[in-house]
């Protein structure tokens, strides 16, 4: 097949390069990452970010155009994959823009709903939160710089391809909140301290909800910047909820 590059050895320099993209430092430098499985590759193909296909089956190339095509052996797929029983296809994807510039464009909208994340550490939580945020029609997610790596393989799997469908910004959260407040976007914190029950919150058209770290909640310095704190009514014998569940409840109620 025309334009197809065949790779048969796990020690090939190209394969070594692909493998290097599984390392956070290298992929940040290259601004590229790997995705695994048919669903994620198909979702990426709907964007301008998919750069290449790695597969053992030539038939898979028919669906994808204007990308590099690598025909490989299953041992190469297994070398590059993070799963025990991988599907026989991976994608090479260029990172999106996650800078402050994306937020500057978003806040120009008349109505805006954002989710802010203050040091979310668990990859599964981050992926689930991103997926839920998109499903509920929110306009974007702003993550603190110390939030878990967006391109962690567990995050990618948890998003189910939704990371290609919603703006994701990573920046200093204090700077982001300052920018939001300067543009009359109300910031809701999540805390039991000086908080209003979710059912009693007055809805507004321009707002951001901030969720905190799984163990510690929101940091004190971020919490002090909030306009109002929210708490979810719960049965007396339940102390807390998983952050992804709490995010979903609050976002659904306020959207």
C-alpha atoms as a PDB file:
ATOM      1  CA  UNK A   1       0.000   0.000   0.000  1.00  0.00           C
ATOM      2  CA  UNK A   2       1.294   3.426  -0.968  1.00  0.00           C
ATOM      3  CA  UNK A   3       2.808   5.618   1.758  1.00  0.00           C
ATOM      4  CA  UNK A   4       2.746   2.801   4.321  1.00  0.00           C
ATOM      5  CA  UNK A   5       5.912   2.348   6.383  1.00  0.00           C
ATOM      6  CA  UNK A   6       6.493  -1.232   7.548  1.00  0.00           C
ATOM      7  CA  UNK A   7       8.176  -1.771  10.915  1.00  0.00           C
ATOM      8  CA  UNK A   8       8.989  -5.292  12.147  1.00  0.00           C
ATOM      9  CA  UNK A   9      11.469  -4.865  15.017  1.00  0.00           C
ATOM     10  CA  UNK A  10      10.813  -3.495  18.493  1.00  0.00           C
ATOM     11  CA  UNK A  11      14.368  -2.114  18.334  1.00  0.00           C
ATOM     12  CA  UNK A  12      13.647   0.036  15.279  1.00  0.00           C
ATOM     13  CA  UNK A  13      14.507   3.717  15.911  1.00  0.00           C
ATOM     14  CA  UNK A  14      10.991   4.793  14.916  1.00  0.00           C
ATOM     15  CA  UNK A  15       9.492   2.357  17.402  1.00  0.00           C
ATOM     16  CA  UNK A  16      11.848   3.672  20.075  1.00  0.00           C
ATOM     17  CA  UNK A  17      10.624   7.177  19.299  1.00  0.00           C
ATOM     18  CA  UNK A  18       6.986   6.111  19.639  1.00  0.00           C
ATOM     19  CA  UNK A  19       7.851   4.443  22.947  1.00  0.00           C
ATOM     20  CA  UNK A  20       9.478   7.655  24.170  1.00  0.00           C
ATOM     21  CA  UNK A  21       6.106   9.392  23.844  1.00  0.00           C
ATOM     22  CA  UNK A  22       4.856   7.309  26.784  1.00  0.00           C
ATOM     23  CA  UNK A  23       7.248   9.347  28.966  1.00  0.00           C
ATOM     24  CA  UNK A  24       5.737  12.597  30.253  1.00  0.00           C
ATOM     25  CA  UNK A  25       8.884  14.672  29.808  1.00  0.00           C
ATOM     26  CA  UNK A  26       9.417  13.548  26.216  1.00  0.00           C
ATOM     27  CA  UNK A  27       5.816  13.942  25.108  1.00  0.00           C
ATOM     28  CA  UNK A  28       5.669  17.451  26.569  1.00  0.00           C
ATOM     29  CA  UNK A  29       8.831  18.319  24.660  1.00  0.00           C
ATOM     30  CA  UNK A  30       7.518  16.790  21.423  1.00  0.00           C
ATOM     31  CA  UNK A  31       3.944  17.974  22.046  1.00  0.00           C
ATOM     32  CA  UNK A  32       2.691  14.564  20.917  1.00  0.00           C
ATOM     33  CA  UNK A  33       1.173  11.534  22.640  1.00  0.00           C
ATOM     34  CA  UNK A  34      -0.103   8.029  21.907  1.00  0.00           C
ATOM     35  CA  UNK A  35      -3.690   6.811  22.113  1.00  0.00           C
ATOM     36  CA  UNK A  36      -4.845   3.203  22.089  1.00  0.00           C
ATOM     37  CA  UNK A  37      -7.820   1.420  20.585  1.00  0.00           C
ATOM     38  CA  UNK A  38     -10.292   1.938  17.750  1.00  0.00           C
ATOM     39  CA  UNK A  39     -12.633   4.285  19.603  1.00  0.00           C
ATOM     40  CA  UNK A  40      -9.984   6.801  20.656  1.00  0.00           C
ATOM     41  CA  UNK A  41      -8.334   6.732  17.223  1.00  0.00           C
ATOM     42  CA  UNK A  42     -11.675   7.319  15.477  1.00  0.00           C
ATOM     43  CA  UNK A  43     -12.487  10.221  17.812  1.00  0.00           C
ATOM     44  CA  UNK A  44      -9.061  11.747  17.187  1.00  0.00           C
ATOM     45  CA  UNK A  45      -9.558  11.384  13.417  1.00  0.00           C
ATOM     46  CA  UNK A  46     -12.470  13.831  13.633  1.00  0.00           C
ATOM     47  CA  UNK A  47      -9.997  16.528  14.700  1.00  0.00           C
ATOM     48  CA  UNK A  48      -6.944  18.079  13.030  1.00  0.00           C
ATOM     49  CA  UNK A  49      -4.691  16.588  15.714  1.00  0.00           C
ATOM     50  CA  UNK A  50      -4.305  12.967  14.528  1.00  0.00           C
ATOM     51  CA  UNK A  51      -0.886  12.639  12.860  1.00  0.00           C
ATOM     52  CA  UNK A  52      -0.355   8.906  12.463  1.00  0.00           C
ATOM     53  CA  UNK A  53      -1.763   5.389  12.695  1.00  0.00           C
ATOM     54  CA  UNK A  54       0.144   2.371  14.010  1.00  0.00           C
ATOM     55  CA  UNK A  55      -1.576  -0.957  13.321  1.00  0.00           C
ATOM     56  CA  UNK A  56      -1.071  -4.617  12.390  1.00  0.00           C
ATOM     57  CA  UNK A  57      -3.931  -4.585   9.859  1.00  0.00           C
ATOM     58  CA  UNK A  58      -3.663  -2.705   6.555  1.00  0.00           C
ATOM     59  CA  UNK A  59      -7.465  -2.501   6.341  1.00  0.00           C
ATOM     60  CA  UNK A  60      -7.417   0.045   9.164  1.00  0.00           C
ATOM     61  CA  UNK A  61      -5.625   2.566   6.958  1.00  0.00           C
ATOM     62  CA  UNK A  62      -8.633   2.907   4.626  1.00  0.00           C
ATOM     63  CA  UNK A  63     -10.614   4.963   7.171  1.00  0.00           C
ATOM     64  CA  UNK A  64      -7.891   7.508   7.854  1.00  0.00           C
ATOM     65  CA  UNK A  65      -6.543  10.095   5.444  1.00  0.00           C
ATOM     66  CA  UNK A  66      -3.679  12.587   5.446  1.00  0.00           C
ATOM     67  CA  UNK A  67      -1.893  10.801   8.302  1.00  0.00           C
ATOM     68  CA  UNK A  68       1.317   8.789   8.514  1.00  0.00           C
ATOM     69  CA  UNK A  69       0.711   5.030   8.323  1.00  0.00           C
ATOM     70  CA  UNK A  70       2.816   2.432  10.077  1.00  0.00           C
ATOM     71  CA  UNK A  71       2.232  -1.290   9.546  1.00  0.00           C
ATOM     72  CA  UNK A  72       3.730  -3.131  12.498  1.00  0.00           C
ATOM     73  CA  UNK A  73       3.848  -6.492  14.242  1.00  0.00           C
ATOM     74  CA  UNK A  74       1.822  -7.369  17.323  1.00  0.00           C
ATOM     75  CA  UNK A  75       4.972  -7.432  19.515  1.00  0.00           C
ATOM     76  CA  UNK A  76       5.474  -3.744  18.620  1.00  0.00           C
ATOM     77  CA  UNK A  77       1.862  -2.944  19.568  1.00  0.00           C
ATOM     78  CA  UNK A  78       2.385  -4.765  22.872  1.00  0.00           C
ATOM     79  CA  UNK A  79       5.629  -2.853  23.468  1.00  0.00           C
ATOM     80  CA  UNK A  80       3.883   0.499  22.975  1.00  0.00           C
ATOM     81  CA  UNK A  81       0.642  -0.344  24.766  1.00  0.00           C
ATOM     82  CA  UNK A  82      -0.096   0.222  28.450  1.00  0.00           C
ATOM     83  CA  UNK A  83      -2.791  -2.486  28.556  1.00  0.00           C
ATOM     84  CA  UNK A  84      -2.413  -6.259  28.982  1.00  0.00           C
ATOM     85  CA  UNK A  85      -4.549  -7.214  25.982  1.00  0.00           C
ATOM     86  CA  UNK A  86      -4.244  -4.279  23.583  1.00  0.00           C
ATOM     87  CA  UNK A  87      -6.260  -3.708  20.440  1.00  0.00           C
ATOM     88  CA  UNK A  88      -4.097  -3.751  17.323  1.00  0.00           C
ATOM     89  CA  UNK A  89      -4.227  -0.020  16.644  1.00  0.00           C
ATOM     90  CA  UNK A  90      -2.668   3.109  18.131  1.00  0.00           C
ATOM     91  CA  UNK A  91      -2.677   6.740  17.124  1.00  0.00           C
ATOM     92  CA  UNK A  92      -0.039   9.457  17.239  1.00  0.00           C
ATOM     93  CA  UNK A  93      -1.719  12.708  18.234  1.00  0.00           C
ATOM     94  CA  UNK A  94      -0.537  16.311  18.441  1.00  0.00           C
ATOM     95  CA  UNK A  95      -1.368  18.068  21.713  1.00  0.00           C
ATOM     96  CA  UNK A  96      -4.011  20.761  21.712  1.00  0.00           C
ATOM     97  CA  UNK A  97      -3.482  24.307  22.958  1.00  0.00           C
ATOM     98  CA  UNK A  98      -4.030  24.320  26.734  1.00  0.00           C
ATOM     99  CA  UNK A  99      -2.770  27.850  27.341  1.00  0.00           C
ATOM    100  CA  UNK A 100      -4.340  30.935  28.857  1.00  0.00           C
ATOM    101  CA  UNK A 101      -5.203  32.108  25.326  1.00  0.00           C
ATOM    102  CA  UNK A 102      -7.945  29.467  25.155  1.00  0.00           C
ATOM    103  CA  UNK A 103      -9.529  30.837  28.330  1.00  0.00           C
ATOM    104  CA  UNK A 104      -9.321  34.393  26.994  1.00  0.00           C
ATOM    105  CA  UNK A 105     -11.424  33.330  23.996  1.00  0.00           C
ATOM    106  CA  UNK A 106     -13.962  31.471  26.132  1.00  0.00           C
ATOM    107  CA  UNK A 107     -14.726  34.316  28.535  1.00  0.00           C
ATOM    108  CA  UNK A 108     -15.887  36.512  25.669  1.00  0.00           C
ATOM    109  CA  UNK A 109     -19.043  34.393  25.412  1.00  0.00           C
ATOM    110  CA  UNK A 110     -22.264  35.901  26.729  1.00  0.00           C
ATOM    111  CA  UNK A 111     -23.099  32.805  28.778  1.00  0.00           C
ATOM    112  CA  UNK A 112     -20.341  30.611  30.138  1.00  0.00           C
ATOM    113  CA  UNK A 113     -20.081  27.566  32.401  1.00  0.00           C
ATOM    114  CA  UNK A 114     -16.637  26.386  33.478  1.00  0.00           C
ATOM    115  CA  UNK A 115     -15.187  23.800  35.826  1.00  0.00           C
ATOM    116  CA  UNK A 116     -11.999  24.586  37.760  1.00  0.00           C
ATOM    117  CA  UNK A 117      -9.863  21.776  39.186  1.00  0.00           C
ATOM    118  CA  UNK A 118      -7.511  22.398  42.108  1.00  0.00           C
ATOM    119  CA  UNK A 119      -4.893  19.612  42.203  1.00  0.00           C
ATOM    120  CA  UNK A 120      -6.896  16.558  41.157  1.00  0.00           C
ATOM    121  CA  UNK A 121      -4.432  13.665  41.582  1.00  0.00           C
ATOM    122  CA  UNK A 122      -6.250  10.546  40.424  1.00  0.00           C
ATOM    123  CA  UNK A 123      -6.130   9.910  36.639  1.00  0.00           C
ATOM    124  CA  UNK A 124      -9.464   8.078  36.651  1.00  0.00           C
ATOM    125  CA  UNK A 125     -11.138  10.975  38.443  1.00  0.00           C
ATOM    126  CA  UNK A 126      -9.730  13.526  36.001  1.00  0.00           C
ATOM    127  CA  UNK A 127     -10.816  11.537  32.957  1.00  0.00           C
ATOM    128  CA  UNK A 128     -14.313  10.964  34.341  1.00  0.00           C
ATOM    129  CA  UNK A 129     -14.694  14.637  35.290  1.00  0.00           C
ATOM    130  CA  UNK A 130     -13.677  15.788  31.797  1.00  0.00           C
ATOM    131  CA  UNK A 131     -16.131  13.360  30.219  1.00  0.00           C
ATOM    132  CA  UNK A 132     -18.962  14.502  32.496  1.00  0.00           C
ATOM    133  CA  UNK A 133     -18.177  18.184  31.956  1.00  0.00           C
ATOM    134  CA  UNK A 134     -18.514  17.754  28.199  1.00  0.00           C
ATOM    135  CA  UNK A 135     -21.667  15.647  28.515  1.00  0.00           C
ATOM    136  CA  UNK A 136     -23.360  18.351  30.589  1.00  0.00           C
ATOM    137  CA  UNK A 137     -22.560  21.043  28.029  1.00  0.00           C
ATOM    138  CA  UNK A 138     -19.974  23.001  29.999  1.00  0.00           C
ATOM    139  CA  UNK A 139     -17.670  25.246  28.009  1.00  0.00           C
ATOM    140  CA  UNK A 140     -14.305  24.152  29.340  1.00  0.00           C
ATOM    141  CA  UNK A 141     -12.149  22.789  32.150  1.00  0.00           C
ATOM    142  CA  UNK A 142      -9.383  24.842  33.788  1.00  0.00           C
ATOM    143  CA  UNK A 143      -6.838  22.689  35.619  1.00  0.00           C
ATOM    144  CA  UNK A 144      -4.197  23.849  38.093  1.00  0.00           C
ATOM    145  CA  UNK A 145      -0.596  23.218  37.088  1.00  0.00           C
ATOM    146  CA  UNK A 146      -0.281  20.543  39.786  1.00  0.00           C
ATOM    147  CA  UNK A 147      -3.247  18.528  38.520  1.00  0.00           C
ATOM    148  CA  UNK A 148      -2.362  15.030  37.270  1.00  0.00           C
ATOM    149  CA  UNK A 149      -0.928  14.799  33.730  1.00  0.00           C
ATOM    150  CA  UNK A 150      -3.722  15.125  31.178  1.00  0.00           C
ATOM    151  CA  UNK A 151      -1.986  12.631  28.875  1.00  0.00           C
ATOM    152  CA  UNK A 152      -1.601   9.887  31.445  1.00  0.00           C
ATOM    153  CA  UNK A 153      -2.900   6.712  29.753  1.00  0.00           C
ATOM    154  CA  UNK A 154      -5.540   6.213  32.465  1.00  0.00           C
ATOM    155  CA  UNK A 155      -6.831   9.751  31.940  1.00  0.00           C
ATOM    156  CA  UNK A 156      -7.040   9.183  28.184  1.00  0.00           C
ATOM    157  CA  UNK A 157      -8.983   5.933  28.593  1.00  0.00           C
ATOM    158  CA  UNK A 158     -11.363   7.491  31.125  1.00  0.00           C
ATOM    159  CA  UNK A 159     -12.244  10.400  28.844  1.00  0.00           C
ATOM    160  CA  UNK A 160     -13.319   8.000  26.071  1.00  0.00           C
ATOM    161  CA  UNK A 161     -12.195  10.520  23.466  1.00  0.00           C
ATOM    162  CA  UNK A 162     -14.047  13.467  24.983  1.00  0.00           C
ATOM    163  CA  UNK A 163     -10.785  15.364  25.538  1.00  0.00           C
ATOM    164  CA  UNK A 164     -10.940  16.171  21.806  1.00  0.00           C
ATOM    165  CA  UNK A 165     -14.372  17.766  22.205  1.00  0.00           C
ATOM    166  CA  UNK A 166     -13.984  20.308  25.011  1.00  0.00           C
ATOM    167  CA  UNK A 167     -11.437  23.084  25.690  1.00  0.00           C
ATOM    168  CA  UNK A 168      -8.966  22.058  28.406  1.00  0.00           C
ATOM    169  CA  UNK A 169      -6.754  24.718  29.957  1.00  0.00           C
ATOM    170  CA  UNK A 170      -3.823  24.204  32.328  1.00  0.00           C
ATOM    171  CA  UNK A 171      -2.519  27.253  34.162  1.00  0.00           C
ATOM    172  CA  UNK A 172      -1.998  28.902  37.531  1.00  0.00           C
ATOM    173  CA  UNK A 173      -5.455  28.697  39.085  1.00  0.00           C
ATOM    174  CA  UNK A 174      -5.069  31.995  40.950  1.00  0.00           C
ATOM    175  CA  UNK A 175      -4.395  33.785  37.660  1.00  0.00           C
ATOM    176  CA  UNK A 176      -7.387  32.061  36.062  1.00  0.00           C
ATOM    177  CA  UNK A 177      -9.742  33.046  38.888  1.00  0.00           C
ATOM    178  CA  UNK A 178      -8.519  36.644  38.795  1.00  0.00           C
ATOM    179  CA  UNK A 179      -9.279  36.741  35.072  1.00  0.00           C
ATOM    180  CA  UNK A 180     -12.725  35.233  35.584  1.00  0.00           C
ATOM    181  CA  UNK A 181     -13.680  37.708  38.290  1.00  0.00           C
ATOM    182  CA  UNK A 182     -12.452  40.640  36.201  1.00  0.00           C
ATOM    183  CA  UNK A 183     -14.918  39.480  33.564  1.00  0.00           C
ATOM    184  CA  UNK A 184     -17.883  39.138  35.947  1.00  0.00           C
ATOM    185  CA  UNK A 185     -17.828  35.358  36.088  1.00  0.00           C
ATOM    186  CA  UNK A 186     -18.994  34.165  39.498  1.00  0.00           C
ATOM    187  CA  UNK A 187     -16.735  31.588  41.150  1.00  0.00           C
ATOM    188  CA  UNK A 188     -18.295  28.888  43.337  1.00  0.00           C
ATOM    189  CA  UNK A 189     -16.067  26.969  45.725  1.00  0.00           C
ATOM    190  CA  UNK A 190     -16.830  23.558  47.239  1.00  0.00           C
ATOM    191  CA  UNK A 191     -16.381  23.459  50.997  1.00  0.00           C
ATOM    192  CA  UNK A 192     -18.284  22.785  54.207  1.00  0.00           C
ATOM    193  CA  UNK A 193     -17.004  26.042  55.673  1.00  0.00           C
ATOM    194  CA  UNK A 194     -19.323  29.063  55.331  1.00  0.00           C
ATOM    195  CA  UNK A 195     -21.159  27.201  52.587  1.00  0.00           C
ATOM    196  CA  UNK A 196     -24.678  27.341  51.144  1.00  0.00           C
ATOM    197  CA  UNK A 197     -26.557  24.166  50.292  1.00  0.00           C
ATOM    198  CA  UNK A 198     -26.588  23.401  46.578  1.00  0.00           C
ATOM    199  CA  UNK A 199     -30.401  23.597  46.413  1.00  0.00           C
ATOM    200  CA  UNK A 200     -30.289  27.177  47.690  1.00  0.00           C
ATOM    201  CA  UNK A 201     -27.805  28.546  45.167  1.00  0.00           C
ATOM    202  CA  UNK A 202     -29.174  31.241  42.899  1.00  0.00           C
ATOM    203  CA  UNK A 203     -28.395  30.360  39.288  1.00  0.00           C
ATOM    204  CA  UNK A 204     -26.408  32.760  37.105  1.00  0.00           C
ATOM    205  CA  UNK A 205     -25.466  32.763  33.419  1.00  0.00           C
ATOM    206  CA  UNK A 206     -21.715  33.242  33.865  1.00  0.00           C
ATOM    207  CA  UNK A 207     -20.060  31.052  36.460  1.00  0.00           C
ATOM    208  CA  UNK A 208     -17.260  28.651  37.322  1.00  0.00           C
ATOM    209  CA  UNK A 209     -17.314  25.791  39.841  1.00  0.00           C
ATOM    210  CA  UNK A 210     -14.085  24.797  41.589  1.00  0.00           C
ATOM    211  CA  UNK A 211     -13.450  21.247  42.822  1.00  0.00           C
ATOM    212  CA  UNK A 212     -10.547  20.386  45.108  1.00  0.00           C
ATOM    213  CA  UNK A 213      -8.045  17.636  45.768  1.00  0.00           C
ATOM    214  CA  UNK A 214      -9.415  14.175  46.606  1.00  0.00           C
ATOM    215  CA  UNK A 215      -7.874  14.090  50.094  1.00  0.00           C
ATOM    216  CA  UNK A 216      -7.596  17.737  51.139  1.00  0.00           C
ATOM    217  CA  UNK A 217     -10.292  19.509  49.166  1.00  0.00           C
ATOM    218  CA  UNK A 218      -9.647  22.993  47.846  1.00  0.00           C
ATOM    219  CA  UNK A 219      -6.490  24.741  49.005  1.00  0.00           C
ATOM    220  CA  UNK A 220      -6.985  27.609  51.443  1.00  0.00           C
ATOM    221  CA  UNK A 221      -5.556  30.224  49.066  1.00  0.00           C
ATOM    222  CA  UNK A 222      -7.913  29.191  46.249  1.00  0.00           C
ATOM    223  CA  UNK A 223     -10.897  28.910  48.575  1.00  0.00           C
ATOM    224  CA  UNK A 224     -10.371  32.482  49.758  1.00  0.00           C
ATOM    225  CA  UNK A 225     -10.791  33.713  46.178  1.00  0.00           C
ATOM    226  CA  UNK A 226     -14.265  32.213  45.762  1.00  0.00           C
ATOM    227  CA  UNK A 227     -17.432  34.326  45.700  1.00  0.00           C
ATOM    228  CA  UNK A 228     -19.535  31.670  47.412  1.00  0.00           C
ATOM    229  CA  UNK A 229     -19.058  28.145  48.754  1.00  0.00           C
ATOM    230  CA  UNK A 230     -21.360  25.233  47.953  1.00  0.00           C
ATOM    231  CA  UNK A 231     -22.062  22.036  49.884  1.00  0.00           C
ATOM    232  CA  UNK A 232     -24.159  19.036  48.859  1.00  0.00           C
ATOM    233  CA  UNK A 233     -26.908  17.934  51.305  1.00  0.00           C
ATOM    234  CA  UNK A 234     -26.063  14.383  52.457  1.00  0.00           C
ATOM    235  CA  UNK A 235     -27.253  11.827  54.938  1.00  0.00           C
ATOM    236  CA  UNK A 236     -25.718  12.401  58.372  1.00  0.00           C
ATOM    237  CA  UNK A 237     -23.714   9.163  58.311  1.00  0.00           C
ATOM    238  CA  UNK A 238     -21.949   9.935  54.991  1.00  0.00           C
ATOM    239  CA  UNK A 239     -19.019  12.322  55.286  1.00  0.00           C
ATOM    240  CA  UNK A 240     -18.041  12.888  51.662  1.00  0.00           C
ATOM    241  CA  UNK A 241     -18.389  11.895  48.012  1.00  0.00           C
ATOM    242  CA  UNK A 242     -15.850  10.989  45.352  1.00  0.00           C
ATOM    243  CA  UNK A 243     -14.788  14.203  43.605  1.00  0.00           C
ATOM    244  CA  UNK A 244     -16.000  13.037  40.183  1.00  0.00           C
ATOM    245  CA  UNK A 245     -19.447  12.205  41.620  1.00  0.00           C
ATOM    246  CA  UNK A 246     -19.646  15.498  43.507  1.00  0.00           C
ATOM    247  CA  UNK A 247     -18.619  17.389  40.360  1.00  0.00           C
ATOM    248  CA  UNK A 248     -21.373  15.714  38.354  1.00  0.00           C
ATOM    249  CA  UNK A 249     -24.060  16.528  40.927  1.00  0.00           C
ATOM    250  CA  UNK A 250     -23.089  20.190  41.227  1.00  0.00           C
ATOM    251  CA  UNK A 251     -22.616  20.732  37.493  1.00  0.00           C
ATOM    252  CA  UNK A 252     -25.964  19.125  36.691  1.00  0.00           C
ATOM    253  CA  UNK A 253     -27.776  21.196  39.303  1.00  0.00           C
ATOM    254  CA  UNK A 254     -26.274  24.519  38.202  1.00  0.00           C
ATOM    255  CA  UNK A 255     -26.209  24.069  34.422  1.00  0.00           C
END
